[in-house]
Amino acid sequence: RRLRRDDLAAVGTQVAFTSVFGYLAGALFLATGSLAACVAAHVTCNLLGAPDFARLGAAAASASAEDRRYAVLTWAGLVAALALATFATRAYAWDYQPLAAASAG
């Protein structure tokens, strides 16, 4: 069987999501010092799944309240992920200490 363009796009999307999640989980661990936070984030991602970008694009032209709600919640989730990524980048500063260690001392 030959690879199709759709197959490559699906694999590329999966690799991108996995890479971003790995970065965020690592930063979350460095920020909190807790493996439980990483497990909770992983469980949340597994429950929510990847966004359906085709439905998101169709929601713009739809008058359905359900489609609009899906679009709002998807964009809110993406904004929250970007906010977490912005916070997580602090974990790589040279003088950074985990929040747990900073609050203890």
PDB file of N, CA and C in Angstrom:
ATOM      1  N   ARG A   1       0.839  -1.184   0.000  1.00  0.00           N
ATOM      2  CA  ARG A   1       0.000   0.000   0.000  1.00  0.00           C
ATOM      3  C   ARG A   1       0.879   1.240   0.000  1.00  0.00           C
ATOM      4  N   ARG A   2       0.542   2.166  -0.834  1.00  0.00           N
ATOM      5  CA  ARG A   2       1.306   3.416  -0.921  1.00  0.00           C
ATOM      6  C   ARG A   2       0.749   4.441   0.053  1.00  0.00           C
ATOM      7  N   LEU A   3       1.638   5.256   0.566  1.00  0.00           N
ATOM      8  CA  LEU A   3       1.209   6.330   1.459  1.00  0.00           C
ATOM      9  C   LEU A   3       0.512   7.413   0.659  1.00  0.00           C
ATOM     10  N   ARG A   4      -0.589   7.881   1.194  1.00  0.00           N
ATOM     11  CA  ARG A   4      -1.301   8.976   0.564  1.00  0.00           C
ATOM     12  C   ARG A   4      -1.010  10.260   1.319  1.00  0.00           C
ATOM     13  N   ARG A   5      -1.344  11.361   0.716  1.00  0.00           N
ATOM     14  CA  ARG A   5      -1.129  12.668   1.336  1.00  0.00           C
ATOM     15  C   ARG A   5      -1.899  12.784   2.653  1.00  0.00           C
ATOM     16  N   ASP A   6      -3.107  12.213   2.700  1.00  0.00           N
ATOM     17  CA  ASP A   6      -3.907  12.247   3.931  1.00  0.00           C
ATOM     18  C   ASP A   6      -3.218  11.489   5.061  1.00  0.00           C
ATOM     19  N   ASP A   7      -2.587  10.350   4.710  1.00  0.00           N
ATOM     20  CA  ASP A   7      -1.871   9.573   5.716  1.00  0.00           C
ATOM     21  C   ASP A   7      -0.712  10.369   6.293  1.00  0.00           C
ATOM     22  N   LEU A   8       0.033  11.034   5.441  1.00  0.00           N
ATOM     23  CA  LEU A   8       1.175  11.826   5.898  1.00  0.00           C
ATOM     24  C   LEU A   8       0.714  13.006   6.751  1.00  0.00           C
ATOM     25  N   ALA A   9      -0.398  13.613   6.387  1.00  0.00           N
ATOM     26  CA  ALA A   9      -0.930  14.721   7.174  1.00  0.00           C
ATOM     27  C   ALA A   9      -1.364  14.232   8.552  1.00  0.00           C
ATOM     28  N   ALA A  10      -1.975  13.058   8.619  1.00  0.00           N
ATOM     29  CA  ALA A  10      -2.412  12.509   9.908  1.00  0.00           C
ATOM     30  C   ALA A  10      -1.218  12.191  10.801  1.00  0.00           C
ATOM     31  N   VAL A  11      -0.185  11.601  10.219  1.00  0.00           N
ATOM     32  CA  VAL A  11       1.020  11.280  10.992  1.00  0.00           C
ATOM     33  C   VAL A  11       1.717  12.567  11.442  1.00  0.00           C
ATOM     34  N   GLY A  12       1.811  13.536  10.565  1.00  0.00           N
ATOM     35  CA  GLY A  12       2.441  14.806  10.921  1.00  0.00           C
ATOM     36  C   GLY A  12       1.697  15.516  12.043  1.00  0.00           C
ATOM     37  N   THR A  13       0.376  15.491  11.986  1.00  0.00           N
ATOM     38  CA  THR A  13      -0.428  16.106  13.037  1.00  0.00           C
ATOM     39  C   THR A  13      -0.214  15.395  14.357  1.00  0.00           C
ATOM     40  N   GLN A  14      -0.191  14.071  14.337  1.00  0.00           N
ATOM     41  CA  GLN A  14       0.016  13.300  15.558  1.00  0.00           C
ATOM     42  C   GLN A  14       1.400  13.571  16.153  1.00  0.00           C
ATOM     43  N   VAL A  15       2.414  13.626  15.326  1.00  0.00           N
ATOM     44  CA  VAL A  15       3.766  13.919  15.804  1.00  0.00           C
ATOM     45  C   VAL A  15       3.830  15.324  16.398  1.00  0.00           C
ATOM     46  N   ALA A  16       3.179  16.281  15.759  1.00  0.00           N
ATOM     47  CA  ALA A  16       3.175  17.650  16.270  1.00  0.00           C
ATOM     48  C   ALA A  16       2.487  17.730  17.628  1.00  0.00           C
ATOM     49  N   PHE A  17       1.302  17.120  17.756  1.00  0.00           N
ATOM     50  CA  PHE A  17       0.590  17.144  19.035  1.00  0.00           C
ATOM     51  C   PHE A  17       1.395  16.437  20.122  1.00  0.00           C
ATOM     52  N   THR A  18       2.000  15.301  19.789  1.00  0.00           N
ATOM     53  CA  THR A  18       2.786  14.562  20.772  1.00  0.00           C
ATOM     54  C   THR A  18       4.004  15.355  21.204  1.00  0.00           C
ATOM     55  N   SER A  19       4.652  16.029  20.268  1.00  0.00           N
ATOM     56  CA  SER A  19       5.829  16.836  20.607  1.00  0.00           C
ATOM     57  C   SER A  19       5.462  18.009  21.507  1.00  0.00           C
ATOM     58  N   VAL A  20       4.389  18.689  21.174  1.00  0.00           N
ATOM     59  CA  VAL A  20       3.946  19.825  21.996  1.00  0.00           C
ATOM     60  C   VAL A  20       3.555  19.344  23.387  1.00  0.00           C
ATOM     61  N   PHE A  21       2.825  18.232  23.463  1.00  0.00           N
ATOM     62  CA  PHE A  21       2.445  17.717  24.775  1.00  0.00           C
ATOM     63  C   PHE A  21       3.671  17.303  25.579  1.00  0.00           C
ATOM     64  N   GLY A  22       4.641  16.678  24.937  1.00  0.00           N
ATOM     65  CA  GLY A  22       5.859  16.290  25.646  1.00  0.00           C
ATOM     66  C   GLY A  22       6.595  17.493  26.206  1.00  0.00           C
ATOM     67  N   TYR A  23       6.662  18.562  25.431  1.00  0.00           N
ATOM     68  CA  TYR A  23       7.288  19.798  25.901  1.00  0.00           C
ATOM     69  C   TYR A  23       6.530  20.354  27.102  1.00  0.00           C
ATOM     70  N   LEU A  24       5.207  20.414  26.994  1.00  0.00           N
ATOM     71  CA  LEU A  24       4.400  20.956  28.087  1.00  0.00           C
ATOM     72  C   LEU A  24       4.464  20.076  29.328  1.00  0.00           C
ATOM     73  N   ALA A  25       4.434  18.758  29.156  1.00  0.00           N
ATOM     74  CA  ALA A  25       4.506  17.862  30.313  1.00  0.00           C
ATOM     75  C   ALA A  25       5.863  17.977  31.003  1.00  0.00           C
ATOM     76  N   GLY A  26       6.928  18.089  30.222  1.00  0.00           N
ATOM     77  CA  GLY A  26       8.252  18.264  30.809  1.00  0.00           C
ATOM     78  C   GLY A  26       8.362  19.576  31.563  1.00  0.00           C
ATOM     79  N   ALA A  27       7.841  20.631  30.973  1.00  0.00           N
ATOM     80  CA  ALA A  27       7.872  21.935  31.636  1.00  0.00           C
ATOM     81  C   ALA A  27       6.992  21.929  32.881  1.00  0.00           C
ATOM     82  N   LEU A  28       5.858  21.241  32.808  1.00  0.00           N
ATOM     83  CA  LEU A  28       4.978  21.129  33.964  1.00  0.00           C
ATOM     84  C   LEU A  28       5.683  20.392  35.096  1.00  0.00           C
ATOM     85  N   PHE A  29       6.404  19.339  34.763  1.00  0.00           N
ATOM     86  CA  PHE A  29       7.153  18.604  35.786  1.00  0.00           C
ATOM     87  C   PHE A  29       8.242  19.475  36.398  1.00  0.00           C
ATOM     88  N   LEU A  30       8.952  20.214  35.563  1.00  0.00           N
ATOM     89  CA  LEU A  30       9.995  21.097  36.085  1.00  0.00           C
ATOM     90  C   LEU A  30       9.406  22.214  36.940  1.00  0.00           C
ATOM     91  N   ALA A  31       8.237  22.691  36.557  1.00  0.00           N
ATOM     92  CA  ALA A  31       7.630  23.796  37.295  1.00  0.00           C
ATOM     93  C   ALA A  31       7.049  23.349  38.629  1.00  0.00           C
ATOM     94  N   THR A  32       6.475  22.139  38.663  1.00  0.00           N
ATOM     95  CA  THR A  32       5.802  21.699  39.880  1.00  0.00           C
ATOM     96  C   THR A  32       6.602  20.690  40.685  1.00  0.00           C
ATOM     97  N   GLY A  33       7.507  19.974  40.024  1.00  0.00           N
ATOM     98  CA  GLY A  33       8.244  18.911  40.699  1.00  0.00           C
ATOM     99  C   GLY A  33       7.364  17.709  41.002  1.00  0.00           C
ATOM    100  N   SER A  34       6.211  17.637  40.373  1.00  0.00           N
ATOM    101  CA  SER A  34       5.238  16.590  40.677  1.00  0.00           C
ATOM    102  C   SER A  34       4.922  15.771  39.435  1.00  0.00           C
ATOM    103  N   LEU A  35       5.068  14.475  39.560  1.00  0.00           N
ATOM    104  CA  LEU A  35       4.682  13.585  38.468  1.00  0.00           C
ATOM    105  C   LEU A  35       3.161  13.496  38.365  1.00  0.00           C
ATOM    106  N   ALA A  36       2.483  13.700  39.493  1.00  0.00           N
ATOM    107  CA  ALA A  36       1.022  13.645  39.492  1.00  0.00           C
ATOM    108  C   ALA A  36       0.427  14.713  38.574  1.00  0.00           C
ATOM    109  N   ALA A  37       1.039  15.883  38.511  1.00  0.00           N
ATOM    110  CA  ALA A  37       0.553  16.940  37.616  1.00  0.00           C
ATOM    111  C   ALA A  37       0.667  16.506  36.159  1.00  0.00           C
ATOM    112  N   CYS A  38       1.755  15.836  35.830  1.00  0.00           N
ATOM    113  CA  CYS A  38       1.935  15.346  34.451  1.00  0.00           C
ATOM    114  C   CYS A  38       0.912  14.264  34.122  1.00  0.00           C
ATOM    115  N   VAL A  39       0.667  13.372  35.076  1.00  0.00           N
ATOM    116  CA  VAL A  39      -0.320  12.310  34.857  1.00  0.00           C
ATOM    117  C   VAL A  39      -1.703  12.921  34.684  1.00  0.00           C
ATOM    118  N   ALA A  40      -2.046  13.918  35.503  1.00  0.00           N
ATOM    119  CA  ALA A  40      -3.351  14.581  35.385  1.00  0.00           C
ATOM    120  C   ALA A  40      -3.491  15.264  34.025  1.00  0.00           C
ATOM    121  N   ALA A  41      -2.424  15.912  33.563  1.00  0.00           N
ATOM    122  CA  ALA A  41      -2.462  16.559  32.245  1.00  0.00           C
ATOM    123  C   ALA A  41      -2.639  15.516  31.144  1.00  0.00           C
ATOM    124  N   HIS A  42      -1.964  14.386  31.265  1.00  0.00           N
ATOM    125  CA  HIS A  42      -2.066  13.330  30.262  1.00  0.00           C
ATOM    126  C   HIS A  42      -3.473  12.742  30.232  1.00  0.00           C
ATOM    127  N   VAL A  43      -4.057  12.501  31.410  1.00  0.00           N
ATOM    128  CA  VAL A  43      -5.419  11.975  31.480  1.00  0.00           C
ATOM    129  C   VAL A  43      -6.391  12.967  30.839  1.00  0.00           C
ATOM    130  N   THR A  44      -6.212  14.260  31.133  1.00  0.00           N
ATOM    131  CA  THR A  44      -7.075  15.285  30.553  1.00  0.00           C
ATOM    132  C   THR A  44      -6.970  15.287  29.029  1.00  0.00           C
ATOM    133  N   CYS A  45      -5.747  15.224  28.511  1.00  0.00           N
ATOM    134  CA  CYS A  45      -5.568  15.197  27.051  1.00  0.00           C
ATOM    135  C   CYS A  45      -6.201  13.952  26.436  1.00  0.00           C
ATOM    136  N   ASN A  46      -6.072  12.821  27.104  1.00  0.00           N
ATOM    137  CA  ASN A  46      -6.681  11.594  26.579  1.00  0.00           C
ATOM    138  C   ASN A  46      -8.197  11.681  26.571  1.00  0.00           C
ATOM    139  N   LEU A  47      -8.764  12.295  27.603  1.00  0.00           N
ATOM    140  CA  LEU A  47     -10.221  12.432  27.658  1.00  0.00           C
ATOM    141  C   LEU A  47     -10.747  13.393  26.593  1.00  0.00           C
ATOM    142  N   LEU A  48     -10.029  14.492  26.379  1.00  0.00           N
ATOM    143  CA  LEU A  48     -10.489  15.502  25.422  1.00  0.00           C
ATOM    144  C   LEU A  48     -10.187  15.123  23.982  1.00  0.00           C
ATOM    145  N   GLY A  49      -9.061  14.492  23.742  1.00  0.00           N
ATOM    146  CA  GLY A  49      -8.667  14.133  22.389  1.00  0.00           C
ATOM    147  C   GLY A  49      -8.207  15.349  21.591  1.00  0.00           C
ATOM    148  N   ALA A  50      -7.806  15.115  20.376  1.00  0.00           N
ATOM    149  CA  ALA A  50      -7.360  16.197  19.496  1.00  0.00           C
ATOM    150  C   ALA A  50      -8.574  16.932  18.936  1.00  0.00           C
ATOM    151  N   PRO A  51      -8.435  18.229  18.713  1.00  0.00           N
ATOM    152  CA  PRO A  51      -9.567  18.971  18.152  1.00  0.00           C
ATOM    153  C   PRO A  51      -9.885  18.524  16.725  1.00  0.00           C
ATOM    154  N   ASP A  52     -11.140  18.588  16.380  1.00  0.00           N
ATOM    155  CA  ASP A  52     -11.606  18.253  15.037  1.00  0.00           C
ATOM    156  C   ASP A  52     -11.583  19.535  14.205  1.00  0.00           C
ATOM    157  N   PHE A  53     -10.476  19.745  13.496  1.00  0.00           N
ATOM    158  CA  PHE A  53     -10.302  20.996  12.766  1.00  0.00           C
ATOM    159  C   PHE A  53     -11.296  21.141  11.612  1.00  0.00           C
ATOM    160  N   ALA A  54     -11.743  20.034  11.040  1.00  0.00           N
ATOM    161  CA  ALA A  54     -12.744  20.123   9.970  1.00  0.00           C
ATOM    162  C   ALA A  54     -14.055  20.657  10.537  1.00  0.00           C
ATOM    163  N   ARG A  55     -14.437  20.167  11.706  1.00  0.00           N
ATOM    164  CA  ARG A  55     -15.665  20.659  12.338  1.00  0.00           C
ATOM    165  C   ARG A  55     -15.499  22.110  12.772  1.00  0.00           C
ATOM    166  N   LEU A  56     -14.308  22.454  13.217  1.00  0.00           N
ATOM    167  CA  LEU A  56     -14.045  23.821  13.643  1.00  0.00           C
ATOM    168  C   LEU A  56     -14.207  24.789  12.477  1.00  0.00           C
ATOM    169  N   GLY A  57     -13.709  24.403  11.296  1.00  0.00           N
ATOM    170  CA  GLY A  57     -13.859  25.239  10.115  1.00  0.00           C
ATOM    171  C   GLY A  57     -15.314  25.342   9.670  1.00  0.00           C
ATOM    172  N   ALA A  58     -16.047  24.234   9.788  1.00  0.00           N
ATOM    173  CA  ALA A  58     -17.458  24.234   9.397  1.00  0.00           C
ATOM    174  C   ALA A  58     -18.303  25.038  10.378  1.00  0.00           C
ATOM    175  N   ALA A  59     -17.860  25.144  11.622  1.00  0.00           N
ATOM    176  CA  ALA A  59     -18.631  25.873  12.635  1.00  0.00           C
ATOM    177  C   ALA A  59     -18.715  27.356  12.321  1.00  0.00           C
ATOM    178  N   ALA A  60     -17.748  27.873  11.597  1.00  0.00           N
ATOM    179  CA  ALA A  60     -17.759  29.298  11.248  1.00  0.00           C
ATOM    180  C   ALA A  60     -18.949  29.640  10.355  1.00  0.00           C
ATOM    181  N   ALA A  61     -19.340  28.704   9.505  1.00  0.00           N
ATOM    182  CA  ALA A  61     -20.447  28.955   8.587  1.00  0.00           C
ATOM    183  C   ALA A  61     -21.769  28.404   9.106  1.00  0.00           C
ATOM    184  N   SER A  62     -21.737  27.758  10.254  1.00  0.00           N
ATOM    185  CA  SER A  62     -22.934  27.108  10.777  1.00  0.00           C
ATOM    186  C   SER A  62     -23.697  28.029  11.728  1.00  0.00           C
ATOM    187  N   ALA A  63     -24.990  27.857  11.747  1.00  0.00           N
ATOM    188  CA  ALA A  63     -25.825  28.620  12.675  1.00  0.00           C
ATOM    189  C   ALA A  63     -26.181  27.772  13.894  1.00  0.00           C
ATOM    190  N   SER A  64     -25.686  26.544  13.927  1.00  0.00           N
ATOM    191  CA  SER A  64     -26.001  25.635  15.023  1.00  0.00           C
ATOM    192  C   SER A  64     -25.334  26.088  16.327  1.00  0.00           C
ATOM    193  N   ALA A  65     -26.113  26.102  17.388  1.00  0.00           N
ATOM    194  CA  ALA A  65     -25.574  26.479  18.703  1.00  0.00           C
ATOM    195  C   ALA A  65     -24.516  25.477  19.159  1.00  0.00           C
ATOM    196  N   GLU A  66     -24.692  24.212  18.829  1.00  0.00           N
ATOM    197  CA  GLU A  66     -23.724  23.189  19.217  1.00  0.00           C
ATOM    198  C   GLU A  66     -22.386  23.406  18.515  1.00  0.00           C
ATOM    199  N   ASP A  67     -22.431  23.741  17.220  1.00  0.00           N
ATOM    200  CA  ASP A  67     -21.193  24.005  16.483  1.00  0.00           C
ATOM    201  C   ASP A  67     -20.487  25.249  17.013  1.00  0.00           C
ATOM    202  N   ARG A  68     -21.255  26.279  17.331  1.00  0.00           N
ATOM    203  CA  ARG A  68     -20.645  27.502  17.890  1.00  0.00           C
ATOM    204  C   ARG A  68     -20.016  27.212  19.249  1.00  0.00           C
ATOM    205  N   ARG A  69     -20.696  26.423  20.078  1.00  0.00           N
ATOM    206  CA  ARG A  69     -20.167  26.060  21.393  1.00  0.00           C
ATOM    207  C   ARG A  69     -18.869  25.261  21.241  1.00  0.00           C
ATOM    208  N   TYR A  70     -18.859  24.335  20.272  1.00  0.00           N
ATOM    209  CA  TYR A  70     -17.650  23.549  20.014  1.00  0.00           C
ATOM    210  C   TYR A  70     -16.497  24.463  19.613  1.00  0.00           C
ATOM    211  N   ALA A  71     -16.784  25.424  18.736  1.00  0.00           N
ATOM    212  CA  ALA A  71     -15.729  26.342  18.287  1.00  0.00           C
ATOM    213  C   ALA A  71     -15.200  27.185  19.443  1.00  0.00           C
ATOM    214  N   VAL A  72     -16.087  27.707  20.264  1.00  0.00           N
ATOM    215  CA  VAL A  72     -15.662  28.538  21.401  1.00  0.00           C
ATOM    216  C   VAL A  72     -14.811  27.728  22.367  1.00  0.00           C
ATOM    217  N   LEU A  73     -15.264  26.512  22.698  1.00  0.00           N
ATOM    218  CA  LEU A  73     -14.508  25.686  23.640  1.00  0.00           C
ATOM    219  C   LEU A  73     -13.169  25.241  23.059  1.00  0.00           C
ATOM    220  N   THR A  74     -13.131  24.958  21.772  1.00  0.00           N
ATOM    221  CA  THR A  74     -11.862  24.570  21.148  1.00  0.00           C
ATOM    222  C   THR A  74     -10.878  25.722  21.173  1.00  0.00           C
ATOM    223  N   TRP A  75     -11.335  26.917  20.787  1.00  0.00           N
ATOM    224  CA  TRP A  75     -10.433  28.075  20.816  1.00  0.00           C
ATOM    225  C   TRP A  75     -10.002  28.415  22.237  1.00  0.00           C
ATOM    226  N   ALA A  76     -10.901  28.276  23.201  1.00  0.00           N
ATOM    227  CA  ALA A  76     -10.547  28.527  24.597  1.00  0.00           C
ATOM    228  C   ALA A  76      -9.479  27.538  25.060  1.00  0.00           C
ATOM    229  N   GLY A  77      -9.605  26.289  24.651  1.00  0.00           N
ATOM    230  CA  GLY A  77      -8.595  25.289  24.994  1.00  0.00           C
ATOM    231  C   GLY A  77      -7.255  25.590  24.367  1.00  0.00           C
ATOM    232  N   LEU A  78      -7.264  26.030  23.110  1.00  0.00           N
ATOM    233  CA  LEU A  78      -5.998  26.375  22.452  1.00  0.00           C
ATOM    234  C   LEU A  78      -5.345  27.581  23.107  1.00  0.00           C
ATOM    235  N   VAL A  79      -6.144  28.571  23.490  1.00  0.00           N
ATOM    236  CA  VAL A  79      -5.604  29.742  24.178  1.00  0.00           C
ATOM    237  C   VAL A  79      -5.039  29.337  25.535  1.00  0.00           C
ATOM    238  N   ALA A  80      -5.742  28.467  26.248  1.00  0.00           N
ATOM    239  CA  ALA A  80      -5.244  27.990  27.543  1.00  0.00           C
ATOM    240  C   ALA A  80      -3.941  27.217  27.375  1.00  0.00           C
ATOM    241  N   ALA A  81      -3.837  26.413  26.324  1.00  0.00           N
ATOM    242  CA  ALA A  81      -2.591  25.678  26.077  1.00  0.00           C
ATOM    243  C   ALA A  81      -1.446  26.635  25.773  1.00  0.00           C
ATOM    244  N   LEU A  82      -1.728  27.684  25.014  1.00  0.00           N
ATOM    245  CA  LEU A  82      -0.676  28.673  24.738  1.00  0.00           C
ATOM    246  C   LEU A  82      -0.274  29.418  26.010  1.00  0.00           C
ATOM    247  N   ALA A  83      -1.242  29.703  26.874  1.00  0.00           N
ATOM    248  CA  ALA A  83      -0.920  30.354  28.147  1.00  0.00           C
ATOM    249  C   ALA A  83      -0.058  29.437  28.997  1.00  0.00           C
ATOM    250  N   LEU A  84      -0.375  28.147  29.020  1.00  0.00           N
ATOM    251  CA  LEU A  84       0.444  27.192  29.759  1.00  0.00           C
ATOM    252  C   LEU A  84       1.843  27.109  29.170  1.00  0.00           C
ATOM    253  N   ALA A  85       1.926  27.135  27.841  1.00  0.00           N
ATOM    254  CA  ALA A  85       3.241  27.089  27.201  1.00  0.00           C
ATOM    255  C   ALA A  85       4.056  28.321  27.548  1.00  0.00           C
ATOM    256  N   THR A  86       3.404  29.471  27.608  1.00  0.00           N
ATOM    257  CA  THR A  86       4.109  30.701  27.977  1.00  0.00           C
ATOM    258  C   THR A  86       4.621  30.603  29.403  1.00  0.00           C
ATOM    259  N   PHE A  87       3.794  30.097  30.305  1.00  0.00           N
ATOM    260  CA  PHE A  87       4.224  29.901  31.689  1.00  0.00           C
ATOM    261  C   PHE A  87       5.341  28.874  31.760  1.00  0.00           C
ATOM    262  N   ALA A  88       5.208  27.802  30.973  1.00  0.00           N
ATOM    263  CA  ALA A  88       6.163  26.699  31.040  1.00  0.00           C
ATOM    264  C   ALA A  88       7.547  27.104  30.560  1.00  0.00           C
ATOM    265  N   THR A  89       7.640  28.099  29.705  1.00  0.00           N
ATOM    266  CA  THR A  89       8.962  28.496  29.221  1.00  0.00           C
ATOM    267  C   THR A  89       9.830  29.056  30.347  1.00  0.00           C
ATOM    268  N   ARG A  90       9.203  29.490  31.434  1.00  0.00           N
ATOM    269  CA  ARG A  90       9.984  29.932  32.588  1.00  0.00           C
ATOM    270  C   ARG A  90      10.849  28.807  33.128  1.00  0.00           C
ATOM    271  N   ALA A  91      10.439  27.570  32.938  1.00  0.00           N
ATOM    272  CA  ALA A  91      11.146  26.423  33.495  1.00  0.00           C
ATOM    273  C   ALA A  91      12.554  26.288  32.927  1.00  0.00           C
ATOM    274  N   TYR A  92      12.830  26.931  31.823  1.00  0.00           N
ATOM    275  CA  TYR A  92      14.131  26.771  31.200  1.00  0.00           C
ATOM    276  C   TYR A  92      15.050  27.975  31.430  1.00  0.00           C
ATOM    277  N   ALA A  93      14.617  28.904  32.264  1.00  0.00           N
ATOM    278  CA  ALA A  93      15.485  30.035  32.599  1.00  0.00           C
ATOM    279  C   ALA A  93      16.624  29.525  33.477  1.00  0.00           C
ATOM    280  N   TRP A  94      17.786  30.159  33.383  1.00  0.00           N
ATOM    281  CA  TRP A  94      18.963  29.690  34.121  1.00  0.00           C
ATOM    282  C   TRP A  94      18.763  29.738  35.628  1.00  0.00           C
ATOM    283  N   ASP A  95      18.075  30.731  36.113  1.00  0.00           N
ATOM    284  CA  ASP A  95      17.920  30.884  37.564  1.00  0.00           C
ATOM    285  C   ASP A  95      16.573  30.366  38.066  1.00  0.00           C
ATOM    286  N   TYR A  96      15.912  29.574  37.286  1.00  0.00           N
ATOM    287  CA  TYR A  96      14.571  29.114  37.646  1.00  0.00           C
ATOM    288  C   TYR A  96      14.642  28.036  38.713  1.00  0.00           C
ATOM    289  N   GLN A  97      13.732  28.103  39.689  1.00  0.00           N
ATOM    290  CA  GLN A  97      13.561  27.053  40.681  1.00  0.00           C
ATOM    291  C   GLN A  97      12.111  26.591  40.615  1.00  0.00           C
ATOM    292  N   PRO A  98      11.873  25.303  40.784  1.00  0.00           N
ATOM    293  CA  PRO A  98      10.490  24.820  40.746  1.00  0.00           C
ATOM    294  C   PRO A  98       9.635  25.543  41.775  1.00  0.00           C
ATOM    295  N   LEU A  99       8.364  25.701  41.453  1.00  0.00           N
ATOM    296  CA  LEU A  99       7.451  26.390  42.361  1.00  0.00           C
ATOM    297  C   LEU A  99       7.389  25.722  43.724  1.00  0.00           C
ATOM    298  N   ALA A 100       7.417  24.376  43.753  1.00  0.00           N
ATOM    299  CA  ALA A 100       7.345  23.666  45.020  1.00  0.00           C
ATOM    300  C   ALA A 100       8.548  24.000  45.901  1.00  0.00           C
ATOM    301  N   ALA A 101       9.741  24.080  45.296  1.00  0.00           N
ATOM    302  CA  ALA A 101      10.958  24.380  46.060  1.00  0.00           C
ATOM    303  C   ALA A 101      10.973  25.847  46.492  1.00  0.00           C
ATOM    304  N   ALA A 102      10.456  26.724  45.650  1.00  0.00           N
ATOM    305  CA  ALA A 102      10.453  28.153  45.970  1.00  0.00           C
ATOM    306  C   ALA A 102       9.506  28.444  47.131  1.00  0.00           C
ATOM    307  N   SER A 103       8.363  27.747  47.164  1.00  0.00           N
ATOM    308  CA  SER A 103       7.409  28.006  48.226  1.00  0.00           C
ATOM    309  C   SER A 103       7.836  27.359  49.537  1.00  0.00           C
ATOM    310  N   ALA A 104       8.649  26.301  49.462  1.00  0.00           N
ATOM    311  CA  ALA A 104       9.106  25.613  50.671  1.00  0.00           C
ATOM    312  C   ALA A 104      10.215  26.385  51.370  1.00  0.00           C
ATOM    313  N   GLY A 105      10.994  27.152  50.622  1.00  0.00           N
ATOM    314  CA  GLY A 105      12.164  27.803  51.215  1.00  0.00           C
ATOM    315  C   GLY A 105      12.109  29.231  51.208  1.00  0.00           C
TER     316      GLY A 105
END
